[in-house]
Structures are given as structure tokens and as C-alpha cells.
All heavy atoms as atom14 arrays in JSON, in Angstrom:
{
  "sequence": "TINQSINVNLLVQIQQIINKTEATVDSTALIDRTTLAFDE",
  "atom14_mask": [
    [1, 1, 1, 1, 1, 1, 1, 0, 0, 0, 0, 0, 0, 0],
    [1, 1, 1, 1, 1, 1, 1, 1, 0, 0, 0, 0, 0, 0],
    [1, 1, 1, 1, 1, 1, 1, 1, 0, 0, 0, 0, 0, 0],
    [1, 1, 1, 1, 1, 1, 1, 1, 1, 0, 0, 0, 0, 0],
    [1, 1, 1, 1, 1, 1, 0, 0, 0, 0, 0, 0, 0, 0],
    [1, 1, 1, 1, 1, 1, 1, 1, 0, 0, 0, 0, 0, 0],
    [1, 1, 1, 1, 1, 1, 1, 1, 0, 0, 0, 0, 0, 0],
    [1, 1, 1, 1, 1, 1, 1, 0, 0, 0, 0, 0, 0, 0],
    [1, 1, 1, 1, 1, 1, 1, 1, 0, 0, 0, 0, 0, 0],
    [1, 1, 1, 1, 1, 1, 1, 1, 0, 0, 0, 0, 0, 0],
    [1, 1, 1, 1, 1, 1, 1, 1, 0, 0, 0, 0, 0, 0],
    [1, 1, 1, 1, 1, 1, 1, 0, 0, 0, 0, 0, 0, 0],
    [1, 1, 1, 1, 1, 1, 1, 1, 1, 0, 0, 0, 0, 0],
    [1, 1, 1, 1, 1, 1, 1, 1, 0, 0, 0, 0, 0, 0],
    [1, 1, 1, 1, 1, 1, 1, 1, 1, 0, 0, 0, 0, 0],
    [1, 1, 1, 1, 1, 1, 1, 1, 1, 0, 0, 0, 0, 0],
    [1, 1, 1, 1, 1, 1, 1, 1, 0, 0, 0, 0, 0, 0],
    [1, 1, 1, 1, 1, 1, 1, 1, 0, 0, 0, 0, 0, 0],
    [1, 1, 1, 1, 1, 1, 1, 1, 0, 0, 0, 0, 0, 0],
    [1, 1, 1, 1, 1, 1, 1, 1, 1, 0, 0, 0, 0, 0],
    [1, 1, 1, 1, 1, 1, 1, 0, 0, 0, 0, 0, 0, 0],
    [1, 1, 1, 1, 1, 1, 1, 1, 1, 0, 0, 0, 0, 0],
    [1, 1, 1, 1, 1, 0, 0, 0, 0, 0, 0, 0, 0, 0],
    [1, 1, 1, 1, 1, 1, 1, 0, 0, 0, 0, 0, 0, 0],
    [1, 1, 1, 1, 1, 1, 1, 0, 0, 0, 0, 0, 0, 0],
    [1, 1, 1, 1, 1, 1, 1, 1, 0, 0, 0, 0, 0, 0],
    [1, 1, 1, 1, 1, 1, 0, 0, 0, 0, 0, 0, 0, 0],
    [1, 1, 1, 1, 1, 1, 1, 0, 0, 0, 0, 0, 0, 0],
    [1, 1, 1, 1, 1, 0, 0, 0, 0, 0, 0, 0, 0, 0],
    [1, 1, 1, 1, 1, 1, 1, 1, 0, 0, 0, 0, 0, 0],
    [1, 1, 1, 1, 1, 1, 1, 1, 0, 0, 0, 0, 0, 0],
    [1, 1, 1, 1, 1, 1, 1, 1, 0, 0, 0, 0, 0, 0],
    [1, 1, 1, 1, 1, 1, 1, 1, 1, 1, 1, 0, 0, 0],
    [1, 1, 1, 1, 1, 1, 1, 0, 0, 0, 0, 0, 0, 0],
    [1, 1, 1, 1, 1, 1, 1, 0, 0, 0, 0, 0, 0, 0],
    [1, 1, 1, 1, 1, 1, 1, 1, 0, 0, 0, 0, 0, 0],
    [1, 1, 1, 1, 1, 0, 0, 0, 0, 0, 0, 0, 0, 0],
    [1, 1, 1, 1, 1, 1, 1, 1, 1, 1, 1, 0, 0, 0],
    [1, 1, 1, 1, 1, 1, 1, 1, 0, 0, 0, 0, 0, 0],
    [1, 1, 1, 1, 1, 1, 1, 1, 1, 0, 0, 0, 0, 0]
  ],
  "atom14_positions": [
    [[-20.3, -21.33, -62.6], [-20.9, -21.19, -63.85], [-21.3, -19.76, -64.1], [-21.51, -18.95, -63.07], [-22.29, -22.04, -64.03], [-23.2, -21.53, -62.98], [-21.94, -23.49, -63.77], [0.0, 0.0, 0.0], [0.0, 0.0, 0.0], [0.0, 0.0, 0.0], [0.0, 0.0, 0.0], [0.0, 0.0, 0.0], [0.0, 0.0, 0.0], [0.0, 0.0, 0.0]],
    [[-21.29, -19.31, -65.29], [-21.63, -17.93, -65.73], [-22.82, -18.07, -66.73], [-22.66, -18.68, -67.83], [-20.47, -17.13, -66.32], [-19.25, -17.1, -65.28], [-20.89, -15.71, -66.7], [-18.04, -16.39, -65.88], [0.0, 0.0, 0.0], [0.0, 0.0, 0.0], [0.0, 0.0, 0.0], [0.0, 0.0, 0.0], [0.0, 0.0, 0.0], [0.0, 0.0, 0.0]],
    [[-23.84, -17.42, -66.44], [-25.04, -17.49, -67.31], [-24.7, -16.85, -68.63], [-24.22, -15.72, -68.73], [-26.27, -16.75, -66.68], [-26.86, -17.55, -65.53], [-26.85, -18.84, -65.58], [-27.45, -16.85, -64.5], [0.0, 0.0, 0.0], [0.0, 0.0, 0.0], [0.0, 0.0, 0.0], [0.0, 0.0, 0.0], [0.0, 0.0, 0.0], [0.0, 0.0, 0.0]],
    [[-25.01, -17.56, -69.73], [-24.87, -17.05, -71.07], [-26.2, -17.02, -71.72], [-27.24, -17.51, -71.18], [-23.93, -17.85, -71.86], [-22.51, -18.03, -71.29], [-21.74, -16.79, -71.51], [-21.99, -15.84, -72.14], [-20.54, -16.84, -70.82], [0.0, 0.0, 0.0], [0.0, 0.0, 0.0], [0.0, 0.0, 0.0], [0.0, 0.0, 0.0], [0.0, 0.0, 0.0]],
    [[-26.31, -16.45, -72.88], [-27.54, -16.54, -73.61], [-27.9, -17.95, -74.07], [-26.95, -18.75, -74.3], [-27.44, -15.59, -74.88], [-26.43, -15.89, -75.71], [0.0, 0.0, 0.0], [0.0, 0.0, 0.0], [0.0, 0.0, 0.0], [0.0, 0.0, 0.0], [0.0, 0.0, 0.0], [0.0, 0.0, 0.0], [0.0, 0.0, 0.0], [0.0, 0.0, 0.0]],
    [[-29.2, -18.23, -74.19], [-29.53, -19.53, -74.63], [-29.03, -19.84, -76.02], [-29.26, -19.03, -76.92], [-31.05, -19.77, -74.58], [-31.49, -19.66, -73.06], [-31.51, -21.09, -75.0], [-32.95, -19.42, -72.81], [0.0, 0.0, 0.0], [0.0, 0.0, 0.0], [0.0, 0.0, 0.0], [0.0, 0.0, 0.0], [0.0, 0.0, 0.0], [0.0, 0.0, 0.0]],
    [[-28.41, -21.06, -76.23], [-27.9, -21.34, -77.47], [-28.16, -22.88, -77.73], [-27.36, -23.79, -77.39], [-26.42, -21.04, -77.6], [-25.87, -21.22, -79.09], [-26.44, -21.98, -79.93], [-24.81, -20.55, -79.36], [0.0, 0.0, 0.0], [0.0, 0.0, 0.0], [0.0, 0.0, 0.0], [0.0, 0.0, 0.0], [0.0, 0.0, 0.0], [0.0, 0.0, 0.0]],
    [[-29.24, -23.24, -78.27], [-29.71, -24.67, -78.51], [-28.69, -25.31, -79.51], [-28.47, -26.47, -79.42], [-31.19, -24.68, -79.01], [-31.52, -26.12, -79.21], [-32.08, -24.08, -77.97], [0.0, 0.0, 0.0], [0.0, 0.0, 0.0], [0.0, 0.0, 0.0], [0.0, 0.0, 0.0], [0.0, 0.0, 0.0], [0.0, 0.0, 0.0], [0.0, 0.0, 0.0]],
    [[-28.32, -24.5, -80.51], [-27.33, -25.17, -81.45], [-26.1, -25.68, -80.83], [-25.68, -26.79, -81.17], [-26.92, -24.09, -82.51], [-25.98, -24.55, -83.54], [-26.05, -25.64, -84.15], [-24.88, -23.74, -83.73], [0.0, 0.0, 0.0], [0.0, 0.0, 0.0], [0.0, 0.0, 0.0], [0.0, 0.0, 0.0], [0.0, 0.0, 0.0], [0.0, 0.0, 0.0]],
    [[-25.56, -24.9, -79.82], [-24.39, -25.41, -79.13], [-24.66, -26.62, -78.29], [-23.86, -27.55, -78.27], [-23.94, -24.24, -78.23], [-22.54, -24.5, -77.61], [-21.43, -24.19, -78.76], [-22.24, -23.42, -76.54], [0.0, 0.0, 0.0], [0.0, 0.0, 0.0], [0.0, 0.0, 0.0], [0.0, 0.0, 0.0], [0.0, 0.0, 0.0], [0.0, 0.0, 0.0]],
    [[-25.93, -26.79, -77.68], [-26.3, -27.97, -76.96], [-26.38, -29.2, -77.82], [-26.01, -30.25, -77.46], [-27.57, -27.64, -76.29], [-27.77, -26.39, -75.3], [-29.16, -26.39, -74.66], [-26.71, -26.48, -74.25], [0.0, 0.0, 0.0], [0.0, 0.0, 0.0], [0.0, 0.0, 0.0], [0.0, 0.0, 0.0], [0.0, 0.0, 0.0], [0.0, 0.0, 0.0]],
    [[-26.81, -28.99, -79.09], [-26.98, -30.06, -80.01], [-25.54, -30.52, -80.38], [-25.26, -31.76, -80.51], [-27.76, -29.64, -81.26], [-27.65, -30.79, -82.32], [-29.26, -29.44, -80.84], [0.0, 0.0, 0.0], [0.0, 0.0, 0.0], [0.0, 0.0, 0.0], [0.0, 0.0, 0.0], [0.0, 0.0, 0.0], [0.0, 0.0, 0.0], [0.0, 0.0, 0.0]],
    [[-24.73, -29.55, -80.64], [-23.22, -30.02, -81.02], [-22.58, -30.76, -79.86], [-21.84, -31.74, -80.22], [-22.44, -28.67, -81.24], [-22.72, -27.9, -82.44], [-21.87, -26.66, -82.68], [-20.79, -26.84, -82.81], [-22.53, -25.48, -82.59], [0.0, 0.0, 0.0], [0.0, 0.0, 0.0], [0.0, 0.0, 0.0], [0.0, 0.0, 0.0], [0.0, 0.0, 0.0]],
    [[-22.8, -30.35, -78.62], [-22.2, -31.19, -77.55], [-22.72, -32.58, -77.45], [-21.99, -33.54, -77.36], [-22.47, -30.39, -76.21], [-21.73, -29.17, -76.15], [-22.1, -31.33, -74.98], [-22.02, -28.22, -74.98], [0.0, 0.0, 0.0], [0.0, 0.0, 0.0], [0.0, 0.0, 0.0], [0.0, 0.0, 0.0], [0.0, 0.0, 0.0], [0.0, 0.0, 0.0]],
    [[-24.14, -32.76, -77.75], [-24.56, -34.05, -77.71], [-24.14, -34.88, -78.87], [-23.86, -36.14, -78.65], [-26.2, -33.91, -77.69], [-26.89, -35.29, -77.62], [-28.28, -35.12, -77.39], [-28.92, -34.04, -77.46], [-29.08, -36.17, -76.93], [0.0, 0.0, 0.0], [0.0, 0.0, 0.0], [0.0, 0.0, 0.0], [0.0, 0.0, 0.0], [0.0, 0.0, 0.0]],
    [[-23.92, -34.25, -80.01], [-23.37, -35.06, -81.12], [-21.89, -35.45, -80.82], [-21.51, -36.54, -81.19], [-23.42, -34.11, -82.3], [-24.8, -33.88, -82.92], [-24.79, -32.94, -84.08], [-23.83, -32.13, -84.17], [-25.82, -32.87, -84.83], [0.0, 0.0, 0.0], [0.0, 0.0, 0.0], [0.0, 0.0, 0.0], [0.0, 0.0, 0.0], [0.0, 0.0, 0.0]],
    [[-21.17, -34.62, -80.1], [-19.78, -35.02, -79.83], [-19.76, -36.16, -78.92], [-19.07, -37.14, -79.05], [-19.0, -33.84, -79.19], [-18.82, -32.65, -80.08], [-17.73, -34.28, -78.5], [-18.32, -31.46, -79.4], [0.0, 0.0, 0.0], [0.0, 0.0, 0.0], [0.0, 0.0, 0.0], [0.0, 0.0, 0.0], [0.0, 0.0, 0.0], [0.0, 0.0, 0.0]],
    [[-20.72, -36.18, -77.89], [-20.75, -37.34, -77.0], [-21.21, -38.63, -77.63], [-20.61, -39.68, -77.39], [-21.62, -36.95, -75.77], [-21.01, -35.83, -74.98], [-21.81, -38.17, -74.93], [-21.87, -35.25, -73.9], [0.0, 0.0, 0.0], [0.0, 0.0, 0.0], [0.0, 0.0, 0.0], [0.0, 0.0, 0.0], [0.0, 0.0, 0.0], [0.0, 0.0, 0.0]],
    [[-22.19, -38.44, -78.57], [-22.64, -39.61, -79.3], [-21.48, -40.32, -80.13], [-21.34, -41.47, -80.22], [-23.76, -39.25, -80.26], [-25.09, -38.97, -79.46], [-25.25, -39.41, -78.32], [-25.98, -38.27, -80.09], [0.0, 0.0, 0.0], [0.0, 0.0, 0.0], [0.0, 0.0, 0.0], [0.0, 0.0, 0.0], [0.0, 0.0, 0.0], [0.0, 0.0, 0.0]],
    [[-20.77, -39.31, -80.79], [-19.57, -39.78, -81.54], [-18.5, -40.41, -80.65], [-17.93, -41.5, -81.1], [-19.04, -38.61, -82.3], [-17.86, -39.04, -83.28], [-17.42, -37.82, -84.12], [-16.33, -38.18, -85.12], [-15.76, -36.99, -85.97], [0.0, 0.0, 0.0], [0.0, 0.0, 0.0], [0.0, 0.0, 0.0], [0.0, 0.0, 0.0], [0.0, 0.0, 0.0]],
    [[-18.3, -39.91, -79.55], [-17.29, -40.51, -78.52], [-17.72, -41.91, -78.12], [-16.9, -42.85, -78.04], [-17.06, -39.52, -77.36], [-16.68, -38.23, -77.86], [-16.05, -40.19, -76.43], [0.0, 0.0, 0.0], [0.0, 0.0, 0.0], [0.0, 0.0, 0.0], [0.0, 0.0, 0.0], [0.0, 0.0, 0.0], [0.0, 0.0, 0.0], [0.0, 0.0, 0.0]],
    [[-18.96, -41.97, -77.87], [-19.52, -43.32, -77.38], [-19.39, -44.3, -78.52], [-19.2, -45.58, -78.23], [-20.98, -43.19, -76.87], [-21.07, -42.46, -75.55], [-22.57, -42.29, -75.21], [-23.4, -42.11, -76.08], [-22.85, -42.27, -73.97], [0.0, 0.0, 0.0], [0.0, 0.0, 0.0], [0.0, 0.0, 0.0], [0.0, 0.0, 0.0], [0.0, 0.0, 0.0]],
    [[-19.49, -43.93, -79.68], [-19.58, -44.88, -80.84], [-18.17, -45.21, -81.35], [-18.06, -46.03, -82.21], [-20.45, -44.24, -82.0], [0.0, 0.0, 0.0], [0.0, 0.0, 0.0], [0.0, 0.0, 0.0], [0.0, 0.0, 0.0], [0.0, 0.0, 0.0], [0.0, 0.0, 0.0], [0.0, 0.0, 0.0], [0.0, 0.0, 0.0], [0.0, 0.0, 0.0]],
    [[-17.1, -44.54, -80.83], [-15.76, -44.76, -81.37], [-15.24, -46.08, -80.77], [-15.3, -46.32, -79.5], [-14.85, -43.54, -80.86], [-15.34, -42.42, -81.44], [-13.53, -43.77, -81.4], [0.0, 0.0, 0.0], [0.0, 0.0, 0.0], [0.0, 0.0, 0.0], [0.0, 0.0, 0.0], [0.0, 0.0, 0.0], [0.0, 0.0, 0.0], [0.0, 0.0, 0.0]],
    [[-14.82, -46.96, -81.54], [-14.22, -48.28, -81.12], [-12.73, -48.18, -80.76], [-12.29, -48.62, -79.85], [-14.44, -49.36, -82.33], [-13.84, -50.63, -81.84], [-15.92, -49.5, -82.54], [0.0, 0.0, 0.0], [0.0, 0.0, 0.0], [0.0, 0.0, 0.0], [0.0, 0.0, 0.0], [0.0, 0.0, 0.0], [0.0, 0.0, 0.0], [0.0, 0.0, 0.0]],
    [[-12.0, -47.36, -81.62], [-10.62, -47.15, -81.43], [-10.46, -46.07, -80.32], [-10.73, -44.92, -80.62], [-9.91, -46.81, -82.81], [-8.47, -46.67, -82.58], [-7.79, -47.03, -81.6], [-7.84, -46.01, -83.5], [0.0, 0.0, 0.0], [0.0, 0.0, 0.0], [0.0, 0.0, 0.0], [0.0, 0.0, 0.0], [0.0, 0.0, 0.0], [0.0, 0.0, 0.0]],
    [[-9.95, -46.39, -79.2], [-9.73, -45.52, -78.07], [-8.47, -44.77, -78.2], [-8.13, -43.9, -77.3], [-9.78, -46.31, -76.7], [-8.79, -47.26, -76.72], [0.0, 0.0, 0.0], [0.0, 0.0, 0.0], [0.0, 0.0, 0.0], [0.0, 0.0, 0.0], [0.0, 0.0, 0.0], [0.0, 0.0, 0.0], [0.0, 0.0, 0.0], [0.0, 0.0, 0.0]],
    [[-7.58, -45.0, -79.14], [-6.39, -44.29, -79.24], [-6.47, -42.8, -79.48], [-7.31, -42.39, -80.37], [-5.57, -44.79, -80.52], [-5.34, -46.22, -80.33], [-4.12, -44.29, -80.53], [0.0, 0.0, 0.0], [0.0, 0.0, 0.0], [0.0, 0.0, 0.0], [0.0, 0.0, 0.0], [0.0, 0.0, 0.0], [0.0, 0.0, 0.0], [0.0, 0.0, 0.0]],
    [[-5.83, -42.02, -78.66], [-6.01, -40.58, -78.78], [-7.43, -40.07, -78.7], [-7.8, -39.02, -79.24], [-5.39, -40.06, -79.98], [0.0, 0.0, 0.0], [0.0, 0.0, 0.0], [0.0, 0.0, 0.0], [0.0, 0.0, 0.0], [0.0, 0.0, 0.0], [0.0, 0.0, 0.0], [0.0, 0.0, 0.0], [0.0, 0.0, 0.0], [0.0, 0.0, 0.0]],
    [[-8.38, -40.85, -78.06], [-9.81, -40.49, -78.0], [-10.02, -39.14, -77.21], [-10.72, -38.28, -77.57], [-10.63, -41.68, -77.45], [-12.12, -41.38, -77.35], [-12.71, -41.04, -78.62], [-12.78, -42.55, -76.68], [0.0, 0.0, 0.0], [0.0, 0.0, 0.0], [0.0, 0.0, 0.0], [0.0, 0.0, 0.0], [0.0, 0.0, 0.0], [0.0, 0.0, 0.0]],
    [[-9.27, -39.07, -76.13], [-9.3, -37.85, -75.33], [-8.88, -36.65, -76.11], [-9.62, -35.61, -75.96], [-8.52, -37.96, -73.99], [-8.93, -39.12, -73.17], [-8.59, -36.64, -73.24], [-8.1, -39.41, -71.9], [0.0, 0.0, 0.0], [0.0, 0.0, 0.0], [0.0, 0.0, 0.0], [0.0, 0.0, 0.0], [0.0, 0.0, 0.0], [0.0, 0.0, 0.0]],
    [[-7.85, -36.73, -76.85], [-7.34, -35.66, -77.65], [-8.33, -35.22, -78.73], [-8.58, -34.07, -78.9], [-6.06, -35.96, -78.34], [-4.88, -36.13, -77.34], [-4.91, -35.53, -76.3], [-3.9, -36.91, -77.59], [0.0, 0.0, 0.0], [0.0, 0.0, 0.0], [0.0, 0.0, 0.0], [0.0, 0.0, 0.0], [0.0, 0.0, 0.0], [0.0, 0.0, 0.0]],
    [[-8.98, -36.29, -79.28], [-9.99, -35.94, -80.44], [-11.27, -35.35, -79.71], [-11.79, -34.37, -80.36], [-10.36, -37.24, -81.18], [-9.18, -37.79, -82.05], [-9.79, -38.7, -83.09], [-10.61, -39.85, -82.48], [-9.86, -41.09, -82.11], [-8.66, -41.18, -82.27], [-10.59, -42.04, -81.66], [0.0, 0.0, 0.0], [0.0, 0.0, 0.0], [0.0, 0.0, 0.0]],
    [[-11.55, -35.76, -78.59], [-12.85, -35.15, -77.92], [-12.64, -33.78, -77.46], [-13.39, -32.91, -77.69], [-13.14, -36.13, -76.79], [-13.46, -37.45, -77.24], [-14.48, -35.51, -76.19], [0.0, 0.0, 0.0], [0.0, 0.0, 0.0], [0.0, 0.0, 0.0], [0.0, 0.0, 0.0], [0.0, 0.0, 0.0], [0.0, 0.0, 0.0], [0.0, 0.0, 0.0]],
    [[-11.37, -33.57, -76.96], [-11.0, -32.2, -76.51], [-10.92, -31.19, -77.67], [-11.42, -30.15, -77.55], [-9.58, -32.25, -75.79], [-9.6, -33.13, -74.68], [-9.16, -30.83, -75.34], [0.0, 0.0, 0.0], [0.0, 0.0, 0.0], [0.0, 0.0, 0.0], [0.0, 0.0, 0.0], [0.0, 0.0, 0.0], [0.0, 0.0, 0.0], [0.0, 0.0, 0.0]],
    [[-10.38, -31.72, -78.82], [-10.31, -30.84, -80.01], [-11.77, -30.57, -80.41], [-12.1, -29.4, -80.92], [-9.52, -31.65, -81.12], [-9.39, -30.76, -82.46], [-8.61, -29.56, -82.17], [-8.66, -31.69, -83.53], [0.0, 0.0, 0.0], [0.0, 0.0, 0.0], [0.0, 0.0, 0.0], [0.0, 0.0, 0.0], [0.0, 0.0, 0.0], [0.0, 0.0, 0.0]],
    [[-12.63, -31.48, -80.37], [-13.99, -31.22, -80.78], [-14.67, -30.22, -79.99], [-15.39, -29.29, -80.5], [-14.84, -32.56, -80.7], [0.0, 0.0, 0.0], [0.0, 0.0, 0.0], [0.0, 0.0, 0.0], [0.0, 0.0, 0.0], [0.0, 0.0, 0.0], [0.0, 0.0, 0.0], [0.0, 0.0, 0.0], [0.0, 0.0, 0.0], [0.0, 0.0, 0.0]],
    [[-14.41, -30.15, -78.59], [-14.96, -29.1, -77.65], [-14.29, -27.79, -78.1], [-14.94, -26.76, -78.04], [-14.71, -29.53, -76.28], [-15.81, -30.36, -75.67], [-15.61, -31.67, -75.71], [-16.86, -29.79, -75.26], [-16.64, -32.52, -75.08], [-17.95, -30.61, -74.72], [-17.79, -31.95, -74.65], [0.0, 0.0, 0.0], [0.0, 0.0, 0.0], [0.0, 0.0, 0.0]],
    [[-13.02, -27.81, -78.42], [-12.29, -26.5, -78.73], [-12.83, -25.92, -80.13], [-12.9, -24.7, -80.27], [-10.82, -26.82, -78.96], [-10.03, -27.14, -77.66], [-10.65, -26.74, -76.57], [-9.07, -27.75, -77.71], [0.0, 0.0, 0.0], [0.0, 0.0, 0.0], [0.0, 0.0, 0.0], [0.0, 0.0, 0.0], [0.0, 0.0, 0.0], [0.0, 0.0, 0.0]],
    [[-13.4, -26.8, -80.9], [-13.86, -26.32, -82.28], [-15.43, -26.14, -82.28], [-15.97, -26.12, -83.35], [-13.42, -27.23, -83.39], [-11.95, -27.37, -83.46], [-11.52, -28.35, -84.63], [-12.49, -29.21, -85.0], [-10.31, -28.28, -85.08], [0.0, 0.0, 0.0], [0.0, 0.0, 0.0], [0.0, 0.0, 0.0], [0.0, 0.0, 0.0], [0.0, 0.0, 0.0]]
  ]
}
């Protein structure tokens, strides 16, 4: 790991991505969509 400056907004975005992944029923291309969400 490399220490970066604290960014609470980024932490909230990651939690939202995971909540959305958990709530997704259709698992088709779920990995691709989650990877894209992290890229964006």
C-alpha cells in the first residue's frame, strides 16, 4: 500500500459500489460492471 491523502468521498463511493453489487440480482457481466465502476 501507498499512503494517500484522506478522501472520505472516495470511501463512500466504494461502499456504494459494493452495496449496488450486493443488490444486483442479474449476475451476468457483474464482474465487468463492478470493475468499470472502480475504474470510474
